[in-house]
Amino acid sequence: MEVALRSGEDLSLIADGRAAMGDGPPRELISLADDEGNSVTVNVLGRDPRWTAGLDAEIVVKTPFVSGRIDLALYVSRLESWADALDRLDAGEDIAWMEMSSGPSIFVQLTGERDCPEVVVEDEGGSMVTVRVPLVPPDDWIADHRQRLHQVMSYWVPMLSG
């Protein structure tokens, strides 16, 4: 595919557009957002150059009040535990993902303190910061996230060893 660039056009936007259309590796494992400007995403950045069984990733939190990001290591068992978490969410249960591991944790409470779903990102072992993000995901968000997980695992897991 050949793309003509206008002067000053940002190549990263084109790359992101191609990835969104399926031309590149899947990047968003989790993407929860609402129309109020609140979002929590987990982005796969690529293979970890120091560890052949892992992926570099990040958790990104954006709200009108606070924004931040934190590094995250993903490996097969964490991806599998996300699949289990999605099953529990589909059954109407709150979840804690990566709660007992080193690094950040993500909690999804289907009925949070504000009577709507909340995503809680906690970095107890590092920065000792917890961020609670109320948001109302679309009706099909669990099916969407199962598809995201399938795409991430199909693309990235065969490249990992260990």
C-alpha atoms as a PDB file:
ATOM      1  CA  MET A   1       0.000   0.000   0.000  1.00  0.00           C
ATOM      2  CA  GLU A   2       1.469   3.336  -1.005  1.00  0.00           C
ATOM      3  CA  VAL A   3       0.538   6.477   0.879  1.00  0.00           C
ATOM      4  CA  ALA A   4       1.219   9.987  -0.360  1.00  0.00           C
ATOM      5  CA  LEU A   5       2.101  12.352   2.474  1.00  0.00           C
ATOM      6  CA  ARG A   6       1.333  16.023   2.558  1.00  0.00           C
ATOM      7  CA  SER A   7       3.950  18.277   4.068  1.00  0.00           C
ATOM      8  CA  GLY A   8       3.891  17.993   7.865  1.00  0.00           C
ATOM      9  CA  GLU A   9       1.562  14.987   7.979  1.00  0.00           C
ATOM     10  CA  ASP A  10       2.112  12.814  11.034  1.00  0.00           C
ATOM     11  CA  LEU A  11       3.226   9.285  10.117  1.00  0.00           C
ATOM     12  CA  SER A  12       2.146   7.906  13.509  1.00  0.00           C
ATOM     13  CA  LEU A  13      -1.477   8.793  12.730  1.00  0.00           C
ATOM     14  CA  ILE A  14      -1.290   6.824   9.499  1.00  0.00           C
ATOM     15  CA  ALA A  15       0.284   3.863  11.293  1.00  0.00           C
ATOM     16  CA  ASP A  16      -2.417   4.004  13.985  1.00  0.00           C
ATOM     17  CA  GLY A  17      -5.101   4.115  11.294  1.00  0.00           C
ATOM     18  CA  ARG A  18      -3.670   1.063   9.539  1.00  0.00           C
ATOM     19  CA  ALA A  19      -3.455  -0.823  12.849  1.00  0.00           C
ATOM     20  CA  ALA A  20      -7.100   0.049  13.527  1.00  0.00           C
ATOM     21  CA  MET A  21      -8.019  -1.359  10.113  1.00  0.00           C
ATOM     22  CA  GLY A  22      -6.249  -4.645  10.853  1.00  0.00           C
ATOM     23  CA  ASP A  23      -3.048  -3.987   8.866  1.00  0.00           C
ATOM     24  CA  GLY A  24      -0.803  -4.002  11.937  1.00  0.00           C
ATOM     25  CA  PRO A  25      -0.455  -5.880  15.201  1.00  0.00           C
ATOM     26  CA  PRO A  26      -3.339  -5.502  17.658  1.00  0.00           C
ATOM     27  CA  ARG A  27      -2.478  -2.827  20.225  1.00  0.00           C
ATOM     28  CA  GLU A  28      -5.493  -2.312  22.512  1.00  0.00           C
ATOM     29  CA  LEU A  29      -6.197  -5.203  24.842  1.00  0.00           C
ATOM     30  CA  ILE A  30      -8.547  -3.113  26.968  1.00  0.00           C
ATOM     31  CA  SER A  31     -10.357   0.025  25.875  1.00  0.00           C
ATOM     32  CA  LEU A  32     -13.026   1.267  28.229  1.00  0.00           C
ATOM     33  CA  ALA A  33     -14.262   4.791  27.610  1.00  0.00           C
ATOM     34  CA  ASP A  34     -17.346   6.936  27.898  1.00  0.00           C
ATOM     35  CA  ASP A  35     -18.565  10.152  26.323  1.00  0.00           C
ATOM     36  CA  GLU A  36     -17.603  12.144  29.451  1.00  0.00           C
ATOM     37  CA  GLY A  37     -13.887  11.876  28.595  1.00  0.00           C
ATOM     38  CA  ASN A  38     -13.066   9.047  31.009  1.00  0.00           C
ATOM     39  CA  SER A  39     -11.044   6.096  29.743  1.00  0.00           C
ATOM     40  CA  VAL A  40      -8.829   3.234  30.823  1.00  0.00           C
ATOM     41  CA  THR A  41      -6.827   1.390  28.187  1.00  0.00           C
ATOM     42  CA  VAL A  42      -4.227  -1.347  28.203  1.00  0.00           C
ATOM     43  CA  ASN A  43      -1.991  -1.014  25.155  1.00  0.00           C
ATOM     44  CA  VAL A  44       0.383  -3.714  23.935  1.00  0.00           C
ATOM     45  CA  LEU A  45       3.569  -1.951  22.865  1.00  0.00           C
ATOM     46  CA  GLY A  46       5.445  -4.989  21.526  1.00  0.00           C
ATOM     47  CA  ARG A  47       7.696  -7.790  22.608  1.00  0.00           C
ATOM     48  CA  ASP A  48       9.819  -7.175  25.657  1.00  0.00           C
ATOM     49  CA  PRO A  49      13.429  -7.003  24.402  1.00  0.00           C
ATOM     50  CA  ARG A  50      14.759  -8.231  27.763  1.00  0.00           C
ATOM     51  CA  TRP A  51      12.359 -11.130  28.246  1.00  0.00           C
ATOM     52  CA  THR A  52      11.327 -13.437  25.393  1.00  0.00           C
ATOM     53  CA  ALA A  53       8.204 -14.684  27.217  1.00  0.00           C
ATOM     54  CA  GLY A  54       6.720 -11.238  27.762  1.00  0.00           C
ATOM     55  CA  LEU A  55       5.175  -8.231  26.137  1.00  0.00           C
ATOM     56  CA  ASP A  56       5.740  -4.590  26.950  1.00  0.00           C
ATOM     57  CA  ALA A  57       2.425  -2.901  27.673  1.00  0.00           C
ATOM     58  CA  GLU A  58       1.025   0.120  29.445  1.00  0.00           C
ATOM     59  CA  ILE A  59      -2.075   1.099  31.341  1.00  0.00           C
ATOM     60  CA  VAL A  60      -3.304   4.564  30.355  1.00  0.00           C
ATOM     61  CA  VAL A  61      -5.891   6.449  32.411  1.00  0.00           C
ATOM     62  CA  LYS A  62      -7.474   9.634  31.045  1.00  0.00           C
ATOM     63  CA  THR A  63     -10.127  11.744  32.691  1.00  0.00           C
ATOM     64  CA  PRO A  64     -10.917  15.466  32.592  1.00  0.00           C
ATOM     65  CA  PHE A  65      -9.336  15.610  36.075  1.00  0.00           C
ATOM     66  CA  VAL A  66      -6.343  13.250  36.031  1.00  0.00           C
ATOM     67  CA  SER A  67      -4.327  11.396  33.414  1.00  0.00           C
ATOM     68  CA  GLY A  68      -1.446   8.999  33.713  1.00  0.00           C
ATOM     69  CA  ARG A  69       0.245   5.865  32.491  1.00  0.00           C
ATOM     70  CA  ILE A  70       2.182   3.011  33.992  1.00  0.00           C
ATOM     71  CA  ASP A  71       4.297   0.280  32.447  1.00  0.00           C
ATOM     72  CA  LEU A  72       2.961  -3.259  32.522  1.00  0.00           C
ATOM     73  CA  ALA A  73       4.442  -6.638  31.638  1.00  0.00           C
ATOM     74  CA  LEU A  74       2.059  -9.079  29.948  1.00  0.00           C
ATOM     75  CA  TYR A  75       2.630 -12.778  29.514  1.00  0.00           C
ATOM     76  CA  VAL A  76       0.433 -15.717  28.589  1.00  0.00           C
ATOM     77  CA  SER A  77      -0.932 -16.448  32.068  1.00  0.00           C
ATOM     78  CA  ARG A  78      -1.958 -12.797  32.508  1.00  0.00           C
ATOM     79  CA  LEU A  79      -3.779 -12.873  29.177  1.00  0.00           C
ATOM     80  CA  GLU A  80      -5.500 -16.117  30.195  1.00  0.00           C
ATOM     81  CA  SER A  81      -6.514 -14.583  33.530  1.00  0.00           C
ATOM     82  CA  TRP A  82      -8.040 -11.647  31.604  1.00  0.00           C
ATOM     83  CA  ALA A  83     -10.162 -14.197  29.714  1.00  0.00           C
ATOM     84  CA  ASP A  84     -11.339 -15.608  33.069  1.00  0.00           C
ATOM     85  CA  ALA A  85     -12.051 -12.075  34.311  1.00  0.00           C
ATOM     86  CA  LEU A  86     -14.214 -11.376  31.246  1.00  0.00           C
ATOM     87  CA  ASP A  87     -16.201 -14.573  31.953  1.00  0.00           C
ATOM     88  CA  ARG A  88     -16.797 -13.446  35.538  1.00  0.00           C
ATOM     89  CA  LEU A  89     -17.834  -9.957  34.393  1.00  0.00           C
ATOM     90  CA  ASP A  90     -20.247 -11.538  31.920  1.00  0.00           C
ATOM     91  CA  ALA A  91     -21.736 -13.489  34.845  1.00  0.00           C
ATOM     92  CA  GLY A  92     -22.299 -10.199  36.704  1.00  0.00           C
ATOM     93  CA  GLU A  93     -19.323 -10.418  39.091  1.00  0.00           C
ATOM     94  CA  ASP A  94     -16.799  -7.711  39.913  1.00  0.00           C
ATOM     95  CA  ILE A  95     -13.212  -8.626  39.058  1.00  0.00           C
ATOM     96  CA  ALA A  96      -9.655  -8.006  40.169  1.00  0.00           C
ATOM     97  CA  TRP A  97      -7.080  -8.566  37.419  1.00  0.00           C
ATOM     98  CA  MET A  98      -3.423  -8.998  38.371  1.00  0.00           C
ATOM     99  CA  GLU A  99      -4.272  -8.292  42.027  1.00  0.00           C
ATOM    100  CA  MET A 100      -1.742 -10.603  43.652  1.00  0.00           C
ATOM    101  CA  SER A 101       1.189  -9.951  41.323  1.00  0.00           C
ATOM    102  CA  SER A 102       3.955  -7.422  41.168  1.00  0.00           C
ATOM    103  CA  GLY A 103       3.015  -4.289  39.296  1.00  0.00           C
ATOM    104  CA  PRO A 104      -0.325  -2.575  38.870  1.00  0.00           C
ATOM    105  CA  SER A 105      -3.761  -4.129  39.316  1.00  0.00           C
ATOM    106  CA  ILE A 106      -7.035  -3.422  37.554  1.00  0.00           C
ATOM    107  CA  PHE A 107     -10.400  -3.849  39.245  1.00  0.00           C
ATOM    108  CA  VAL A 108     -13.758  -3.574  37.499  1.00  0.00           C
ATOM    109  CA  GLN A 109     -16.711  -2.936  39.772  1.00  0.00           C
ATOM    110  CA  LEU A 110     -19.976  -3.269  37.896  1.00  0.00           C
ATOM    111  CA  THR A 111     -21.789  -1.046  40.408  1.00  0.00           C
ATOM    112  CA  GLY A 112     -19.298   1.387  41.847  1.00  0.00           C
ATOM    113  CA  GLU A 113     -19.549   4.121  44.439  1.00  0.00           C
ATOM    114  CA  ARG A 114     -21.471   6.363  41.999  1.00  0.00           C
ATOM    115  CA  ASP A 115     -24.010   3.684  41.008  1.00  0.00           C
ATOM    116  CA  CYS A 116     -22.277   3.090  37.677  1.00  0.00           C
ATOM    117  CA  PRO A 117     -19.419   0.804  36.635  1.00  0.00           C
ATOM    118  CA  GLU A 118     -15.955   1.823  37.807  1.00  0.00           C
ATOM    119  CA  VAL A 119     -12.484   0.807  36.764  1.00  0.00           C
ATOM    120  CA  VAL A 120      -9.917   1.057  39.532  1.00  0.00           C
ATOM    121  CA  VAL A 121      -6.240   1.102  38.634  1.00  0.00           C
ATOM    122  CA  GLU A 122      -3.984   0.513  41.592  1.00  0.00           C
ATOM    123  CA  ASP A 123      -0.192   0.717  41.746  1.00  0.00           C
ATOM    124  CA  GLU A 124       0.274  -0.249  45.369  1.00  0.00           C
ATOM    125  CA  GLY A 125       3.807  -1.615  44.974  1.00  0.00           C
ATOM    126  CA  GLY A 126       5.220   1.276  42.944  1.00  0.00           C
ATOM    127  CA  SER A 127       3.792   4.771  43.141  1.00  0.00           C
ATOM    128  CA  MET A 128       1.240   3.768  45.807  1.00  0.00           C
ATOM    129  CA  VAL A 129      -1.455   5.586  43.786  1.00  0.00           C
ATOM    130  CA  THR A 130      -4.994   4.367  43.161  1.00  0.00           C
ATOM    131  CA  VAL A 131      -7.244   5.930  40.518  1.00  0.00           C
ATOM    132  CA  ARG A 132     -10.999   5.255  40.393  1.00  0.00           C
ATOM    133  CA  VAL A 133     -12.595   5.963  37.003  1.00  0.00           C
ATOM    134  CA  PRO A 134     -16.396   5.842  36.786  1.00  0.00           C
ATOM    135  CA  LEU A 135     -17.612   5.096  33.270  1.00  0.00           C
ATOM    136  CA  VAL A 136     -20.470   3.455  31.470  1.00  0.00           C
ATOM    137  CA  PRO A 137     -19.178   1.136  28.743  1.00  0.00           C
ATOM    138  CA  PRO A 138     -21.323   0.256  25.709  1.00  0.00           C
ATOM    139  CA  ASP A 139     -23.672  -2.719  25.961  1.00  0.00           C
ATOM    140  CA  ASP A 140     -21.428  -5.018  23.903  1.00  0.00           C
ATOM    141  CA  TRP A 141     -18.181  -4.201  25.735  1.00  0.00           C
ATOM    142  CA  ILE A 142     -17.537  -7.726  27.052  1.00  0.00           C
ATOM    143  CA  ALA A 143     -17.903  -9.306  23.596  1.00  0.00           C
ATOM    144  CA  ASP A 144     -15.707  -6.533  22.187  1.00  0.00           C
ATOM    145  CA  HIS A 145     -13.033  -7.273  24.794  1.00  0.00           C
ATOM    146  CA  ARG A 146     -13.171 -11.003  24.122  1.00  0.00           C
ATOM    147  CA  GLN A 147     -12.472 -10.187  20.462  1.00  0.00           C
ATOM    148  CA  ARG A 148      -9.607  -7.854  21.460  1.00  0.00           C
ATOM    149  CA  LEU A 149      -8.117 -10.581  23.648  1.00  0.00           C
ATOM    150  CA  HIS A 150      -8.429 -13.147  20.855  1.00  0.00           C
ATOM    151  CA  GLN A 151      -6.652 -10.811  18.421  1.00  0.00           C
ATOM    152  CA  VAL A 152      -3.846 -10.037  20.884  1.00  0.00           C
ATOM    153  CA  MET A 153      -3.322 -13.708  21.750  1.00  0.00           C
ATOM    154  CA  SER A 154      -3.488 -14.890  18.129  1.00  0.00           C
ATOM    155  CA  TYR A 155      -0.907 -12.361  17.027  1.00  0.00           C
ATOM    156  CA  TRP A 156       1.489 -12.078  19.982  1.00  0.00           C
ATOM    157  CA  VAL A 157       1.469 -15.406  21.861  1.00  0.00           C
ATOM    158  CA  PRO A 158       3.070 -17.472  19.038  1.00  0.00           C
ATOM    159  CA  MET A 159       6.066 -15.081  19.216  1.00  0.00           C
ATOM    160  CA  LEU A 160       6.638 -15.640  22.921  1.00  0.00           C
ATOM    161  CA  SER A 161       8.816 -18.386  24.373  1.00  0.00           C
ATOM    162  CA  GLY A 162       8.680 -19.864  27.829  1.00  0.00           C
END
